[in-house]
Structure formats: structure tokens, C-alpha cells
């Protein structure tokens, strides 16, 4: 099972950008698809974006056109470029490998990285 480590969150003003990273630990991502999710207190974890081994991508409607997922297999890292951020994007962001395309997680989560967008 691939373990992941998220990083790159932070505090940004509305309209700004961040690019969290998801690094594989212990094993490479290999041919696994990887997804980004987010969660706010009291709510279920929400799917955002996924990328497969061939570079194919899938996005939930709320982030389509603002977020871009990419992967660097040499660095065993998946990125989530987030532009035009809104206060509603404030959440803890998590990545995981996918059990089923495009948004079924394996359940192997990292510690997450916090993104806070101020108005």
C-alpha cells in the first residue's frame, strides 16, 4: 500500500493561488491513480480531482477551471494547482491512491495539509 505525505498548504487571500503536493512514501505511485480530497469540520470528505497513470484527469464541477492536478513520476509526487481561491475553499486537503476511477479512495490517507483562504 502506498503511503502519502501532503504538504504545501497555507494562508492565502481570496483570488490567490497555492499548490499542495502529495508525495509517495515507502513505494512509488507506479500505475496507481491518485486523487485529491478536502474536508471541513463536521462535513464528509469531498472529492476534488484525480489523475491516472496516463495523465488522464477528472474534476468535480466546483473546482473545474480553477484547480489543475498533475503528477511527476520521477519525483513520485502529485500536485494540485489551485487558482482563483475562494474562502469556501478553506479546508484540510488530503490525497490518496484510488481503488476505482475516478473518485473511490483506497483509504490510505496522509495527515493532510491545511488551506485557509481569507476574504
Protein backbone atom coordinates (compact mmCIF):
# COMPACT_ATOMS: atom_id res chain seq x y z
CA UNK A 1 0.00 0.00 0.00
CA UNK A 2 1.29 3.43 -0.90
CA UNK A 3 1.56 5.89 1.96
CA UNK A 4 1.31 9.59 1.17
CA UNK A 5 2.56 12.82 2.68
CA UNK A 6 0.75 16.06 1.87
CA UNK A 7 2.38 19.48 2.10
CA UNK A 8 2.17 22.95 0.62
CA UNK A 9 -0.96 24.32 2.21
CA UNK A 10 -1.07 27.71 3.87
CA UNK A 11 -2.87 31.01 4.25
CA UNK A 12 -3.75 32.98 1.14
CA UNK A 13 -6.07 35.84 0.26
CA UNK A 14 -9.11 35.30 -1.90
CA UNK A 15 -8.12 35.22 -5.56
CA UNK A 16 -4.68 33.86 -4.77
CA UNK A 17 -3.05 30.53 -5.57
CA UNK A 18 -1.48 27.57 -3.79
CA UNK A 19 -0.01 24.31 -4.99
CA UNK A 20 -0.19 21.50 -2.44
CA UNK A 21 1.97 18.43 -3.02
CA UNK A 22 1.31 14.73 -2.42
CA UNK A 23 4.47 12.65 -2.13
CA UNK A 24 4.53 8.86 -2.16
CA UNK A 25 6.28 7.29 0.80
CA UNK A 26 7.67 3.78 1.01
CA UNK A 27 6.61 2.89 -2.52
CA UNK A 28 6.13 4.71 -5.80
CA UNK A 29 2.70 5.57 -7.15
CA UNK A 30 3.51 3.32 -10.09
CA UNK A 31 0.39 2.78 -12.15
CA UNK A 32 -1.97 3.93 -9.41
CA UNK A 33 -4.44 6.71 -9.95
CA UNK A 34 -4.27 9.44 -7.31
CA UNK A 35 -6.98 11.75 -6.07
CA UNK A 36 -7.24 14.91 -4.02
CA UNK A 37 -9.99 15.40 -1.47
CA UNK A 38 -10.80 18.03 1.14
CA UNK A 39 -12.69 18.14 4.41
CA UNK A 40 -14.05 20.80 6.72
CA UNK A 41 -15.12 20.13 10.32
CA UNK A 42 -18.47 18.39 10.56
CA UNK A 43 -18.64 17.55 6.86
CA UNK A 44 -17.78 14.48 4.82
CA UNK A 45 -14.58 14.32 2.84
CA UNK A 46 -15.20 15.79 -0.63
CA UNK A 47 -13.62 14.57 -3.86
CA UNK A 48 -11.87 17.25 -5.94
CA UNK A 49 -9.67 15.84 -8.68
CA UNK A 50 -7.99 12.67 -9.92
CA UNK A 51 -5.18 11.73 -12.27
CA UNK A 52 -4.41 8.30 -13.72
CA UNK A 53 -1.12 6.72 -14.76
CA UNK A 54 -1.51 8.03 -18.34
CA UNK A 55 -2.13 11.61 -17.24
CA UNK A 56 -5.87 11.49 -17.72
CA UNK A 57 -7.73 13.76 -15.31
CA UNK A 58 -11.16 14.16 -13.78
CA UNK A 59 -12.55 17.06 -11.73
CA UNK A 60 -15.61 17.73 -9.66
CA UNK A 61 -17.64 20.62 -11.08
CA UNK A 62 -16.94 23.01 -8.21
CA UNK A 63 -13.22 23.18 -9.00
CA UNK A 64 -13.21 22.63 -12.75
CA UNK A 65 -11.35 25.50 -14.43
CA UNK A 66 -9.73 26.65 -11.16
CA UNK A 67 -7.79 23.58 -9.99
CA UNK A 68 -5.31 21.54 -12.03
CA UNK A 69 -3.96 18.15 -10.98
CA UNK A 70 -0.63 16.91 -12.29
CA UNK A 71 1.94 14.25 -11.49
CA UNK A 72 5.73 13.99 -11.67
CA UNK A 73 6.58 10.30 -11.67
CA UNK A 74 10.31 11.00 -11.34
CA UNK A 75 9.61 12.72 -8.04
CA UNK A 76 6.75 10.37 -7.08
CA UNK A 77 4.66 13.44 -6.42
CA UNK A 78 1.19 14.61 -7.40
CA UNK A 79 0.34 18.31 -7.32
CA UNK A 80 -2.88 20.29 -7.09
CA UNK A 81 -2.51 23.77 -8.57
CA UNK A 82 -5.28 25.88 -7.05
CA UNK A 83 -6.05 29.27 -8.60
CA UNK A 84 -8.74 31.87 -8.00
CA UNK A 85 -9.15 30.62 -4.47
CA UNK A 86 -12.29 31.46 -2.52
CA UNK A 87 -12.99 31.48 1.22
CA UNK A 88 -15.18 28.40 0.64
CA UNK A 89 -12.03 26.53 -0.41
CA UNK A 90 -10.81 26.68 3.19
CA UNK A 91 -10.34 23.07 4.32
CA UNK A 92 -7.86 20.34 5.12
CA UNK A 93 -6.66 18.83 1.85
CA UNK A 94 -5.82 15.15 1.51
CA UNK A 95 -4.55 12.87 -1.23
CA UNK A 96 -4.77 9.12 -1.66
CA UNK A 97 -4.46 6.43 -4.26
CA UNK A 98 -7.74 5.39 -5.85
CA UNK A 99 -9.32 1.96 -5.66
CA UNK A 100 -11.68 2.76 -8.52
CA UNK A 101 -11.64 5.57 -11.11
CA UNK A 102 -12.38 8.38 -10.77
CA UNK A 103 -13.14 9.01 -7.09
CA UNK A 104 -13.15 5.88 -4.91
CA UNK A 105 -10.29 6.16 -2.41
CA UNK A 106 -8.26 3.24 -1.11
CA UNK A 107 -8.48 4.81 2.33
CA UNK A 108 -4.75 5.21 2.84
CA UNK A 109 -4.72 8.87 3.88
CA UNK A 110 -1.92 11.18 4.89
CA UNK A 111 -2.09 13.76 7.64
CA UNK A 112 -3.46 16.39 5.28
CA UNK A 113 -2.41 19.97 4.67
CA UNK A 114 -4.49 22.95 5.78
CA UNK A 115 -5.55 25.59 3.27
CA UNK A 116 -7.06 28.80 4.60
CA UNK A 117 -8.42 31.46 2.25
CA UNK A 118 -9.13 34.85 3.76
CA UNK A 119 -11.68 37.25 2.33
